[in-house]
Amino acid sequence: MKNRYRITTLTGVLLAVGLSGCATSDPMNESGVDGGGDSSAIVVGSQDYYSNEIVAEIYAQALESNGYEVDRQLRIGQREAYIPELESGAIDLFPEYSGPVLQYWNPDTTARSSQDVYDELSKTVPEGLTTLEQASATDQDAYVVTKEFAEKWDVKTISDLAKVKEDITLGGNSEGENRPNGPRGLKNSYGVTVDFTPIEDGGGPLTVKALEDGDIQLAIIYTADPSIKENDLVVLEDPEGLFLSSNIVPLASDDLESGVAEVINSVSKELNSSELISLNARSVNEELPAATIAQEWLAQENLG
């Protein structure tokens, strides 16, 4: 068993206390781990988002197959909940999305392309964190409408929303109301005014149902979500670049041993957008647990 070289007895105690507090305060944690952990374990976290949990589970199992001990802290919540845990060192490894997390730390960024976003993110992460190699897989925030709405108002791009002659309500996680791609960003970038209603499922089935029922007319849904294709939804083009390029990028404590980066970078090298959509579809359609999906993908890619 390879061991972490950085954790002293004092650090191990602080880490255990910090994670115990995180687990206690997080009712969404479904990992079954008590948060105390083992001082030699690499703490892998994930958002409260099924696709992110799958990627985190891939990281965890890839590390375990290479002899590392892993403490899973999965389904923690949204960015506002877990970023402080990353910054404090309570979480060692986390699959993130390059554009949104860059905007979290630098709301005024002008970077938009995949490489520009990654390069700026690498310079922006707080002290103690580093970016490992990003995957080609993207899971892009996007504005989505129904096919019927798009055809009725001849809407293909976000700017086309300006010609809609009825009130528009945007649905998304409550945090989205004040994020750069929420109503304020839409107004600033495209001159389009919308109302906002919170739907706390990360663009999942509740959001899709609200869209199809007409309770909302516009939704923020990730582009790797299989529901877009299955429900014939329309992703609006974004000519002004309101949504930054969003590749899956591992954020890691910068004092993890080099072997950890090698394992995770090998995962990122194989993870592309089409495979991510397939992984997500297995969760949504087959209702398989993240651990099973991860295990089978790693075996398929000869990484497990």
C-alpha atoms as a PDB file:
ATOM      1  CA  MET A   1       0.000   0.000   0.000  1.00  0.00           C
ATOM      2  CA  LYS A   2       1.484   3.351  -1.026  1.00  0.00           C
ATOM      3  CA  ASN A   3       1.208   5.987   1.676  1.00  0.00           C
ATOM      4  CA  ARG A   4       0.771   9.745   1.601  1.00  0.00           C
ATOM      5  CA  TYR A   5       4.051  11.354   2.588  1.00  0.00           C
ATOM      6  CA  ARG A   6       2.760  14.739   3.698  1.00  0.00           C
ATOM      7  CA  ILE A   7       0.486  14.116   6.658  1.00  0.00           C
ATOM      8  CA  THR A   8       1.939  14.462  10.121  1.00  0.00           C
ATOM      9  CA  THR A   9       0.081  13.331  13.183  1.00  0.00           C
ATOM     10  CA  LEU A  10      -1.176  16.865  13.817  1.00  0.00           C
ATOM     11  CA  THR A  11      -2.333  17.321  10.241  1.00  0.00           C
ATOM     12  CA  GLY A  12      -4.090  13.977  10.352  1.00  0.00           C
ATOM     13  CA  VAL A  13      -6.012  15.043  13.450  1.00  0.00           C
ATOM     14  CA  LEU A  14      -7.023  18.359  11.866  1.00  0.00           C
ATOM     15  CA  LEU A  15      -8.073  16.618   8.672  1.00  0.00           C
ATOM     16  CA  ALA A  16     -10.191  14.134  10.592  1.00  0.00           C
ATOM     17  CA  VAL A  17     -11.895  16.900  12.557  1.00  0.00           C
ATOM     18  CA  GLY A  18     -12.521  18.983   9.440  1.00  0.00           C
ATOM     19  CA  LEU A  19     -14.017  16.129   7.487  1.00  0.00           C
ATOM     20  CA  SER A  20     -16.136  15.006  10.399  1.00  0.00           C
ATOM     21  CA  GLY A  21     -17.679  18.470  10.512  1.00  0.00           C
ATOM     22  CA  CYS A  22     -18.256  18.431   6.758  1.00  0.00           C
ATOM     23  CA  ALA A  23     -20.012  15.081   6.857  1.00  0.00           C
ATOM     24  CA  THR A  24     -22.161  16.031   9.822  1.00  0.00           C
ATOM     25  CA  SER A  25     -23.366  19.234   8.171  1.00  0.00           C
ATOM     26  CA  ASP A  26     -24.076  17.615   4.818  1.00  0.00           C
ATOM     27  CA  PRO A  27     -27.375  15.718   4.621  1.00  0.00           C
ATOM     28  CA  MET A  28     -26.755  14.956   0.936  1.00  0.00           C
ATOM     29  CA  ASN A  29     -23.649  12.862   1.602  1.00  0.00           C
ATOM     30  CA  GLU A  30     -24.564   9.386   0.367  1.00  0.00           C
ATOM     31  CA  SER A  31     -21.098   7.884   0.517  1.00  0.00           C
ATOM     32  CA  GLY A  32     -21.650   6.145   3.851  1.00  0.00           C
ATOM     33  CA  VAL A  33     -18.260   7.416   5.062  1.00  0.00           C
ATOM     34  CA  ASP A  34     -18.318   8.982   8.513  1.00  0.00           C
ATOM     35  CA  GLY A  35     -15.959  11.769   7.481  1.00  0.00           C
ATOM     36  CA  GLY A  36     -13.252  10.876   9.971  1.00  0.00           C
ATOM     37  CA  GLY A  37     -11.241   9.023   7.352  1.00  0.00           C
ATOM     38  CA  ASP A  38      -7.712   7.699   7.602  1.00  0.00           C
ATOM     39  CA  SER A  39      -4.772  10.099   7.653  1.00  0.00           C
ATOM     40  CA  SER A  40      -3.056   8.069   4.924  1.00  0.00           C
ATOM     41  CA  ALA A  41      -6.075   8.109   2.603  1.00  0.00           C
ATOM     42  CA  ILE A  42      -6.585  10.378  -0.382  1.00  0.00           C
ATOM     43  CA  VAL A  43      -9.893  12.179   0.101  1.00  0.00           C
ATOM     44  CA  VAL A  44     -11.900  12.231  -3.146  1.00  0.00           C
ATOM     45  CA  GLY A  45     -14.989  14.426  -3.293  1.00  0.00           C
ATOM     46  CA  SER A  46     -17.832  15.046  -5.712  1.00  0.00           C
ATOM     47  CA  GLN A  47     -20.699  17.426  -6.338  1.00  0.00           C
ATOM     48  CA  ASP A  48     -24.263  16.469  -5.573  1.00  0.00           C
ATOM     49  CA  TYR A  49     -24.630  15.610  -9.259  1.00  0.00           C
ATOM     50  CA  TYR A  50     -24.792  12.056 -10.534  1.00  0.00           C
ATOM     51  CA  SER A  51     -22.394  12.575 -13.444  1.00  0.00           C
ATOM     52  CA  ASN A  52     -19.792  14.208 -11.214  1.00  0.00           C
ATOM     53  CA  GLU A  53     -20.151  11.337  -8.751  1.00  0.00           C
ATOM     54  CA  ILE A  54     -19.412   8.846 -11.558  1.00  0.00           C
ATOM     55  CA  VAL A  55     -16.193  10.673 -12.476  1.00  0.00           C
ATOM     56  CA  ALA A  56     -15.154  10.913  -8.823  1.00  0.00           C
ATOM     57  CA  GLU A  57     -15.778   7.190  -8.431  1.00  0.00           C
ATOM     58  CA  ILE A  58     -13.610   6.546 -11.501  1.00  0.00           C
ATOM     59  CA  TYR A  59     -10.818   8.553  -9.862  1.00  0.00           C
ATOM     60  CA  ALA A  60     -11.247   6.663  -6.584  1.00  0.00           C
ATOM     61  CA  GLN A  61     -11.229   3.197  -8.134  1.00  0.00           C
ATOM     62  CA  ALA A  62      -8.302   4.015 -10.433  1.00  0.00           C
ATOM     63  CA  LEU A  63      -6.278   5.106  -7.411  1.00  0.00           C
ATOM     64  CA  GLU A  64      -7.269   2.029  -5.425  1.00  0.00           C
ATOM     65  CA  SER A  65      -6.245  -0.264  -8.269  1.00  0.00           C
ATOM     66  CA  ASN A  66      -2.817   1.406  -8.110  1.00  0.00           C
ATOM     67  CA  GLY A  67      -2.415   0.746  -4.405  1.00  0.00           C
ATOM     68  CA  TYR A  68      -3.672   3.994  -2.894  1.00  0.00           C
ATOM     69  CA  GLU A  69      -6.109   4.188  -0.021  1.00  0.00           C
ATOM     70  CA  VAL A  70      -9.139   6.387  -0.737  1.00  0.00           C
ATOM     71  CA  ASP A  71     -11.663   8.110   1.508  1.00  0.00           C
ATOM     72  CA  ARG A  72     -14.796   8.979  -0.509  1.00  0.00           C
ATOM     73  CA  GLN A  73     -16.684  12.178   0.340  1.00  0.00           C
ATOM     74  CA  LEU A  74     -19.308  12.086  -2.412  1.00  0.00           C
ATOM     75  CA  ARG A  75     -22.475  14.072  -3.126  1.00  0.00           C
ATOM     76  CA  ILE A  76     -21.273  16.960  -0.966  1.00  0.00           C
ATOM     77  CA  GLY A  77     -23.368  19.643  -2.622  1.00  0.00           C
ATOM     78  CA  GLN A  78     -22.857  22.521  -5.008  1.00  0.00           C
ATOM     79  CA  ARG A  79     -19.746  24.656  -5.467  1.00  0.00           C
ATOM     80  CA  GLU A  80     -20.537  27.016  -2.619  1.00  0.00           C
ATOM     81  CA  ALA A  81     -20.482  24.041  -0.236  1.00  0.00           C
ATOM     82  CA  TYR A  82     -17.376  22.135  -1.307  1.00  0.00           C
ATOM     83  CA  ILE A  83     -14.913  24.773  -2.537  1.00  0.00           C
ATOM     84  CA  PRO A  84     -14.084  25.842   1.050  1.00  0.00           C
ATOM     85  CA  GLU A  85     -13.294  22.177   1.827  1.00  0.00           C
ATOM     86  CA  LEU A  86     -10.938  22.045  -1.148  1.00  0.00           C
ATOM     87  CA  GLU A  87      -9.289  25.317  -0.206  1.00  0.00           C
ATOM     88  CA  SER A  88      -8.790  24.184   3.382  1.00  0.00           C
ATOM     89  CA  GLY A  89      -7.173  20.902   2.346  1.00  0.00           C
ATOM     90  CA  ALA A  90      -9.973  18.736   3.753  1.00  0.00           C
ATOM     91  CA  ILE A  91     -10.527  17.310   0.255  1.00  0.00           C
ATOM     92  CA  ASP A  92      -7.524  16.201  -1.814  1.00  0.00           C
ATOM     93  CA  LEU A  93      -9.025  15.482  -5.228  1.00  0.00           C
ATOM     94  CA  PHE A  94     -12.162  16.683  -6.986  1.00  0.00           C
ATOM     95  CA  PRO A  95     -13.489  16.483 -10.574  1.00  0.00           C
ATOM     96  CA  GLU A  96     -14.425  20.028 -11.579  1.00  0.00           C
ATOM     97  CA  TYR A  97     -15.561  21.888 -14.706  1.00  0.00           C
ATOM     98  CA  SER A  98     -13.010  24.357 -15.997  1.00  0.00           C
ATOM     99  CA  GLY A  99     -15.201  27.313 -16.965  1.00  0.00           C
ATOM    100  CA  PRO A 100     -17.634  27.436 -14.037  1.00  0.00           C
ATOM    101  CA  VAL A 101     -14.945  26.960 -11.398  1.00  0.00           C
ATOM    102  CA  LEU A 102     -12.781  29.644 -13.038  1.00  0.00           C
ATOM    103  CA  GLN A 103     -15.751  32.014 -12.849  1.00  0.00           C
ATOM    104  CA  TYR A 104     -16.184  31.113  -9.187  1.00  0.00           C
ATOM    105  CA  TRP A 105     -12.711  32.433  -8.411  1.00  0.00           C
ATOM    106  CA  ASN A 106     -12.621  35.095 -11.135  1.00  0.00           C
ATOM    107  CA  PRO A 107     -16.118  36.252 -12.131  1.00  0.00           C
ATOM    108  CA  ASP A 108     -14.683  38.832 -14.544  1.00  0.00           C
ATOM    109  CA  THR A 109     -12.608  36.414 -16.606  1.00  0.00           C
ATOM    110  CA  THR A 110     -12.586  37.019 -20.353  1.00  0.00           C
ATOM    111  CA  ALA A 111     -11.271  33.542 -21.189  1.00  0.00           C
ATOM    112  CA  ARG A 112     -13.695  31.499 -23.274  1.00  0.00           C
ATOM    113  CA  SER A 113     -11.893  28.795 -25.291  1.00  0.00           C
ATOM    114  CA  SER A 114     -10.971  25.453 -23.758  1.00  0.00           C
ATOM    115  CA  GLN A 115      -7.226  26.096 -23.642  1.00  0.00           C
ATOM    116  CA  ASP A 116      -7.519  29.721 -22.536  1.00  0.00           C
ATOM    117  CA  VAL A 117      -9.867  28.760 -19.712  1.00  0.00           C
ATOM    118  CA  TYR A 118      -7.598  25.939 -18.578  1.00  0.00           C
ATOM    119  CA  ASP A 119      -4.476  28.109 -18.700  1.00  0.00           C
ATOM    120  CA  GLU A 120      -6.116  30.865 -16.660  1.00  0.00           C
ATOM    121  CA  LEU A 121      -7.595  28.397 -14.190  1.00  0.00           C
ATOM    122  CA  SER A 122      -4.149  26.900 -13.625  1.00  0.00           C
ATOM    123  CA  LYS A 123      -2.916  30.360 -12.619  1.00  0.00           C
ATOM    124  CA  THR A 124      -6.033  31.239 -10.576  1.00  0.00           C
ATOM    125  CA  VAL A 125      -6.457  28.257  -8.252  1.00  0.00           C
ATOM    126  CA  PRO A 126      -5.702  29.222  -4.645  1.00  0.00           C
ATOM    127  CA  GLU A 127      -2.439  28.331  -2.955  1.00  0.00           C
ATOM    128  CA  GLY A 128      -2.353  24.656  -2.054  1.00  0.00           C
ATOM    129  CA  LEU A 129      -4.310  23.513  -5.122  1.00  0.00           C
ATOM    130  CA  THR A 130      -3.237  22.547  -8.606  1.00  0.00           C
ATOM    131  CA  THR A 131      -4.931  21.551 -11.846  1.00  0.00           C
ATOM    132  CA  LEU A 132      -4.134  18.145 -13.294  1.00  0.00           C
ATOM    133  CA  GLU A 133      -4.597  17.483 -17.013  1.00  0.00           C
ATOM    134  CA  GLN A 134      -8.100  18.269 -18.257  1.00  0.00           C
ATOM    135  CA  ALA A 135     -10.121  15.694 -20.154  1.00  0.00           C
ATOM    136  CA  SER A 136     -11.489  16.342 -23.633  1.00  0.00           C
ATOM    137  CA  ALA A 137     -14.885  15.496 -22.127  1.00  0.00           C
ATOM    138  CA  THR A 138     -17.068  18.544 -21.625  1.00  0.00           C
ATOM    139  CA  ASP A 139     -20.198  18.942 -19.558  1.00  0.00           C
ATOM    140  CA  GLN A 140     -21.191  22.424 -20.536  1.00  0.00           C
ATOM    141  CA  ASP A 141     -23.802  24.555 -18.841  1.00  0.00           C
ATOM    142  CA  ALA A 142     -26.285  25.570 -21.541  1.00  0.00           C
ATOM    143  CA  TYR A 143     -29.609  27.267 -22.030  1.00  0.00           C
ATOM    144  CA  VAL A 144     -32.128  24.722 -23.247  1.00  0.00           C
ATOM    145  CA  VAL A 145     -35.692  25.061 -24.564  1.00  0.00           C
ATOM    146  CA  THR A 146     -38.264  22.622 -25.883  1.00  0.00           C
ATOM    147  CA  LYS A 147     -38.452  21.942 -29.597  1.00  0.00           C
ATOM    148  CA  GLU A 148     -41.980  23.400 -29.642  1.00  0.00           C
ATOM    149  CA  PHE A 149     -40.798  26.662 -28.067  1.00  0.00           C
ATOM    150  CA  ALA A 150     -37.847  26.897 -30.449  1.00  0.00           C
ATOM    151  CA  GLU A 151     -40.086  26.390 -33.482  1.00  0.00           C
ATOM    152  CA  LYS A 152     -42.837  28.744 -32.261  1.00  0.00           C
ATOM    153  CA  TRP A 153     -40.461  31.679 -31.794  1.00  0.00           C
ATOM    154  CA  ASP A 154     -37.777  30.669 -34.321  1.00  0.00           C
ATOM    155  CA  VAL A 155     -35.190  30.511 -31.569  1.00  0.00           C
ATOM    156  CA  LYS A 156     -31.776  29.030 -32.356  1.00  0.00           C
ATOM    157  CA  THR A 157     -29.419  31.235 -30.357  1.00  0.00           C
ATOM    158  CA  ILE A 158     -29.615  32.908 -26.956  1.00  0.00           C
ATOM    159  CA  SER A 159     -29.869  36.277 -28.686  1.00  0.00           C
ATOM    160  CA  ASP A 160     -33.053  35.075 -30.437  1.00  0.00           C
ATOM    161  CA  LEU A 161     -34.792  35.087 -27.040  1.00  0.00           C
ATOM    162  CA  ALA A 162     -35.076  38.863 -27.398  1.00  0.00           C
ATOM    163  CA  LYS A 163     -37.836  38.438 -29.995  1.00  0.00           C
ATOM    164  CA  VAL A 164     -40.031  36.199 -27.821  1.00  0.00           C
ATOM    165  CA  LYS A 165     -43.331  37.989 -27.112  1.00  0.00           C
ATOM    166  CA  GLU A 166     -44.160  36.324 -23.820  1.00  0.00           C
ATOM    167  CA  ASP A 167     -42.643  36.210 -20.357  1.00  0.00           C
ATOM    168  CA  ILE A 168     -39.710  33.832 -19.984  1.00  0.00           C
ATOM    169  CA  THR A 169     -38.891  32.044 -16.749  1.00  0.00           C
ATOM    170  CA  LEU A 170     -35.483  30.455 -16.295  1.00  0.00           C
ATOM    171  CA  GLY A 171     -35.231  27.360 -14.102  1.00  0.00           C
ATOM    172  CA  GLY A 172     -32.135  26.070 -12.354  1.00  0.00           C
ATOM    173  CA  ASN A 173     -30.471  25.436  -9.003  1.00  0.00           C
ATOM    174  CA  SER A 174     -31.031  28.334  -6.609  1.00  0.00           C
ATOM    175  CA  GLU A 175     -27.328  29.218  -6.711  1.00  0.00           C
ATOM    176  CA  GLY A 176     -27.738  29.928 -10.438  1.00  0.00           C
ATOM    177  CA  GLU A 177     -29.811  33.047  -9.821  1.00  0.00           C
ATOM    178  CA  ASN A 178     -26.687  34.975  -8.823  1.00  0.00           C
ATOM    179  CA  ARG A 179     -24.099  33.223 -10.960  1.00  0.00           C
ATOM    180  CA  PRO A 180     -22.602  34.879 -14.075  1.00  0.00           C
ATOM    181  CA  ASN A 181     -24.825  32.814 -16.393  1.00  0.00           C
ATOM    182  CA  GLY A 182     -27.999  33.550 -14.434  1.00  0.00           C
ATOM    183  CA  PRO A 183     -30.582  36.264 -15.155  1.00  0.00           C
ATOM    184  CA  ARG A 184     -28.102  39.108 -14.614  1.00  0.00           C
ATOM    185  CA  GLY A 185     -25.600  37.632 -17.049  1.00  0.00           C
ATOM    186  CA  LEU A 186     -28.322  37.006 -19.610  1.00  0.00           C
ATOM    187  CA  LYS A 187     -29.423  40.635 -19.320  1.00  0.00           C
ATOM    188  CA  ASN A 188     -25.876  41.998 -19.542  1.00  0.00           C
ATOM    189  CA  SER A 189     -24.728  39.806 -22.440  1.00  0.00           C
ATOM    190  CA  TYR A 190     -27.898  39.598 -24.520  1.00  0.00           C
ATOM    191  CA  GLY A 191     -30.298  42.253 -23.251  1.00  0.00           C
ATOM    192  CA  VAL A 192     -32.853  39.559 -22.396  1.00  0.00           C
ATOM    193  CA  THR A 193     -34.862  39.831 -19.184  1.00  0.00           C
ATOM    194  CA  VAL A 194     -36.150  36.658 -17.542  1.00  0.00           C
ATOM    195  CA  ASP A 195     -37.723  35.649 -14.270  1.00  0.00           C
ATOM    196  CA  PHE A 196     -36.099  32.888 -12.233  1.00  0.00           C
ATOM    197  CA  THR A 197     -37.507  29.904 -10.382  1.00  0.00           C
ATOM    198  CA  PRO A 198     -35.310  27.529  -8.331  1.00  0.00           C
ATOM    199  CA  ILE A 199     -35.424  23.824  -9.172  1.00  0.00           C
ATOM    200  CA  GLU A 200     -32.959  21.941  -7.008  1.00  0.00           C
ATOM    201  CA  ASP A 201     -32.015  18.952  -9.155  1.00  0.00           C
ATOM    202  CA  GLY A 202     -29.098  20.220 -11.210  1.00  0.00           C
ATOM    203  CA  GLY A 203     -30.973  20.242 -14.521  1.00  0.00           C
ATOM    204  CA  GLY A 204     -32.391  16.780 -13.870  1.00  0.00           C
ATOM    205  CA  PRO A 205     -35.843  15.247 -14.378  1.00  0.00           C
ATOM    206  CA  LEU A 206     -37.666  17.879 -12.323  1.00  0.00           C
ATOM    207  CA  THR A 207     -36.170  20.605 -14.484  1.00  0.00           C
ATOM    208  CA  VAL A 208     -36.999  18.761 -17.692  1.00  0.00           C
ATOM    209  CA  LYS A 209     -40.588  18.187 -16.525  1.00  0.00           C
ATOM    210  CA  ALA A 210     -41.005  21.868 -15.636  1.00  0.00           C
ATOM    211  CA  LEU A 211     -39.735  22.766 -19.092  1.00  0.00           C
ATOM    212  CA  GLU A 212     -42.043  20.357 -20.895  1.00  0.00           C
ATOM    213  CA  ASP A 213     -45.038  21.359 -18.729  1.00  0.00           C
ATOM    214  CA  GLY A 214     -44.461  25.028 -19.534  1.00  0.00           C
ATOM    215  CA  ASP A 215     -43.813  26.018 -15.914  1.00  0.00           C
ATOM    216  CA  ILE A 216     -40.490  27.390 -17.182  1.00  0.00           C
ATOM    217  CA  GLN A 217     -39.510  28.259 -20.741  1.00  0.00           C
ATOM    218  CA  LEU A 218     -35.741  28.178 -20.337  1.00  0.00           C
ATOM    219  CA  ALA A 219     -33.540  25.804 -18.358  1.00  0.00           C
ATOM    220  CA  ILE A 220     -29.883  25.398 -17.515  1.00  0.00           C
ATOM    221  CA  ILE A 221     -29.021  21.789 -18.360  1.00  0.00           C
ATOM    222  CA  TYR A 222     -25.596  20.237 -18.800  1.00  0.00           C
ATOM    223  CA  THR A 223     -24.797  19.282 -22.379  1.00  0.00           C
ATOM    224  CA  ALA A 224     -23.707  15.767 -21.366  1.00  0.00           C
ATOM    225  CA  ASP A 225     -27.157  15.032 -19.963  1.00  0.00           C
ATOM    226  CA  PRO A 226     -28.806  12.258 -22.032  1.00  0.00           C
ATOM    227  CA  SER A 227     -32.223  13.835 -21.414  1.00  0.00           C
ATOM    228  CA  ILE A 228     -31.466  16.469 -24.062  1.00  0.00           C
ATOM    229  CA  LYS A 229     -31.469  13.925 -26.850  1.00  0.00           C
ATOM    230  CA  GLU A 230     -34.138  11.706 -25.319  1.00  0.00           C
ATOM    231  CA  ASN A 231     -36.619  14.586 -24.967  1.00  0.00           C
ATOM    232  CA  ASP A 232     -35.707  16.309 -28.240  1.00  0.00           C
ATOM    233  CA  LEU A 233     -34.673  19.476 -26.397  1.00  0.00           C
ATOM    234  CA  VAL A 234     -32.851  22.311 -28.137  1.00  0.00           C
ATOM    235  CA  VAL A 235     -29.542  23.706 -26.873  1.00  0.00           C
ATOM    236  CA  LEU A 236     -29.323  27.395 -27.768  1.00  0.00           C
ATOM    237  CA  GLU A 237     -26.130  28.634 -29.385  1.00  0.00           C
ATOM    238  CA  ASP A 238     -24.125  31.131 -27.349  1.00  0.00           C
ATOM    239  CA  PRO A 239     -22.469  33.620 -29.744  1.00  0.00           C
ATOM    240  CA  GLU A 240     -21.440  36.015 -26.955  1.00  0.00           C
ATOM    241  CA  GLY A 241     -19.719  33.300 -24.930  1.00  0.00           C
ATOM    242  CA  LEU A 242     -21.823  33.689 -21.804  1.00  0.00           C
ATOM    243  CA  PHE A 243     -20.995  30.069 -20.956  1.00  0.00           C
ATOM    244  CA  LEU A 244     -17.285  29.372 -20.713  1.00  0.00           C
ATOM    245  CA  SER A 245     -15.755  26.228 -22.152  1.00  0.00           C
ATOM    246  CA  SER A 246     -16.253  23.524 -19.548  1.00  0.00           C
ATOM    247  CA  ASN A 247     -13.884  20.562 -19.657  1.00  0.00           C
ATOM    248  CA  ILE A 248     -13.665  18.091 -16.804  1.00  0.00           C
ATOM    249  CA  VAL A 249     -10.535  19.046 -14.883  1.00  0.00           C
ATOM    250  CA  PRO A 250      -9.243  17.394 -11.699  1.00  0.00           C
ATOM    251  CA  LEU A 251      -8.398  19.807  -8.885  1.00  0.00           C
ATOM    252  CA  ALA A 252      -5.855  18.358  -6.488  1.00  0.00           C
ATOM    253  CA  SER A 253      -3.854  19.232  -3.416  1.00  0.00           C
ATOM    254  CA  ASP A 254      -0.479  20.276  -4.744  1.00  0.00           C
ATOM    255  CA  ASP A 255       1.427  18.137  -2.261  1.00  0.00           C
ATOM    256  CA  LEU A 256       0.048  14.777  -3.339  1.00  0.00           C
ATOM    257  CA  GLU A 257       2.779  12.477  -4.552  1.00  0.00           C
ATOM    258  CA  SER A 258       3.439  12.462  -8.286  1.00  0.00           C
ATOM    259  CA  GLY A 259       2.027   8.971  -8.761  1.00  0.00           C
ATOM    260  CA  VAL A 260      -1.464  10.247  -7.963  1.00  0.00           C
ATOM    261  CA  ALA A 261      -1.287  12.752 -10.818  1.00  0.00           C
ATOM    262  CA  GLU A 262      -0.080  10.048 -13.192  1.00  0.00           C
ATOM    263  CA  VAL A 263      -3.072   7.844 -12.389  1.00  0.00           C
ATOM    264  CA  ILE A 264      -5.634  10.625 -12.728  1.00  0.00           C
ATOM    265  CA  ASN A 265      -4.043  12.045 -15.877  1.00  0.00           C
ATOM    266  CA  SER A 266      -4.322   8.605 -17.479  1.00  0.00           C
ATOM    267  CA  VAL A 267      -8.062   8.691 -16.742  1.00  0.00           C
ATOM    268  CA  SER A 268      -8.454  12.179 -18.200  1.00  0.00           C
ATOM    269  CA  LYS A 269      -6.657  11.091 -21.365  1.00  0.00           C
ATOM    270  CA  GLU A 270      -9.341   8.473 -22.076  1.00  0.00           C
ATOM    271  CA  LEU A 271     -12.450  10.402 -20.998  1.00  0.00           C
ATOM    272  CA  ASN A 272     -14.148  12.128 -23.945  1.00  0.00           C
ATOM    273  CA  SER A 273     -17.566  13.730 -24.361  1.00  0.00           C
ATOM    274  CA  SER A 274     -19.291  10.828 -26.108  1.00  0.00           C
ATOM    275  CA  GLU A 275     -18.133   8.394 -23.416  1.00  0.00           C
ATOM    276  CA  LEU A 276     -19.286  10.759 -20.683  1.00  0.00           C
ATOM    277  CA  ILE A 277     -22.759  10.921 -22.215  1.00  0.00           C
ATOM    278  CA  SER A 278     -22.792   7.111 -22.350  1.00  0.00           C
ATOM    279  CA  LEU A 279     -21.758   6.894 -18.697  1.00  0.00           C
ATOM    280  CA  ASN A 280     -24.507   9.332 -17.757  1.00  0.00           C
ATOM    281  CA  ALA A 281     -27.069   7.376 -19.783  1.00  0.00           C
ATOM    282  CA  ARG A 282     -26.202   4.205 -17.876  1.00  0.00           C
ATOM    283  CA  SER A 283     -27.011   6.025 -14.652  1.00  0.00           C
ATOM    284  CA  VAL A 284     -30.249   7.570 -15.913  1.00  0.00           C
ATOM    285  CA  ASN A 285     -31.617   4.712 -18.018  1.00  0.00           C
ATOM    286  CA  GLU A 286     -30.206   1.610 -16.334  1.00  0.00           C
ATOM    287  CA  GLU A 287     -30.242   3.146 -12.841  1.00  0.00           C
ATOM    288  CA  LEU A 288     -26.855   1.642 -12.073  1.00  0.00           C
ATOM    289  CA  PRO A 289     -24.842   2.922  -9.102  1.00  0.00           C
ATOM    290  CA  ALA A 290     -21.831   5.117  -9.812  1.00  0.00           C
ATOM    291  CA  ALA A 291     -19.457   2.464  -8.458  1.00  0.00           C
ATOM    292  CA  THR A 292     -20.642  -0.126 -10.997  1.00  0.00           C
ATOM    293  CA  ILE A 293     -20.507   2.295 -13.910  1.00  0.00           C
ATOM    294  CA  ALA A 294     -16.999   3.366 -12.933  1.00  0.00           C
ATOM    295  CA  GLN A 295     -15.745  -0.187 -12.471  1.00  0.00           C
ATOM    296  CA  GLU A 296     -16.975  -1.318 -15.867  1.00  0.00           C
ATOM    297  CA  TRP A 297     -15.617   1.752 -17.658  1.00  0.00           C
ATOM    298  CA  LEU A 298     -12.179   1.330 -16.089  1.00  0.00           C
ATOM    299  CA  ALA A 299     -12.131  -2.323 -17.137  1.00  0.00           C
ATOM    300  CA  GLN A 300     -13.181  -1.377 -20.666  1.00  0.00           C
ATOM    301  CA  GLU A 301     -10.356   1.183 -20.874  1.00  0.00           C
ATOM    302  CA  ASN A 302      -7.844  -1.190 -19.254  1.00  0.00           C
ATOM    303  CA  LEU A 303      -7.317   1.288 -16.430  1.00  0.00           C
ATOM    304  CA  GLY A 304      -8.689  -0.769 -13.547  1.00  0.00           C
END
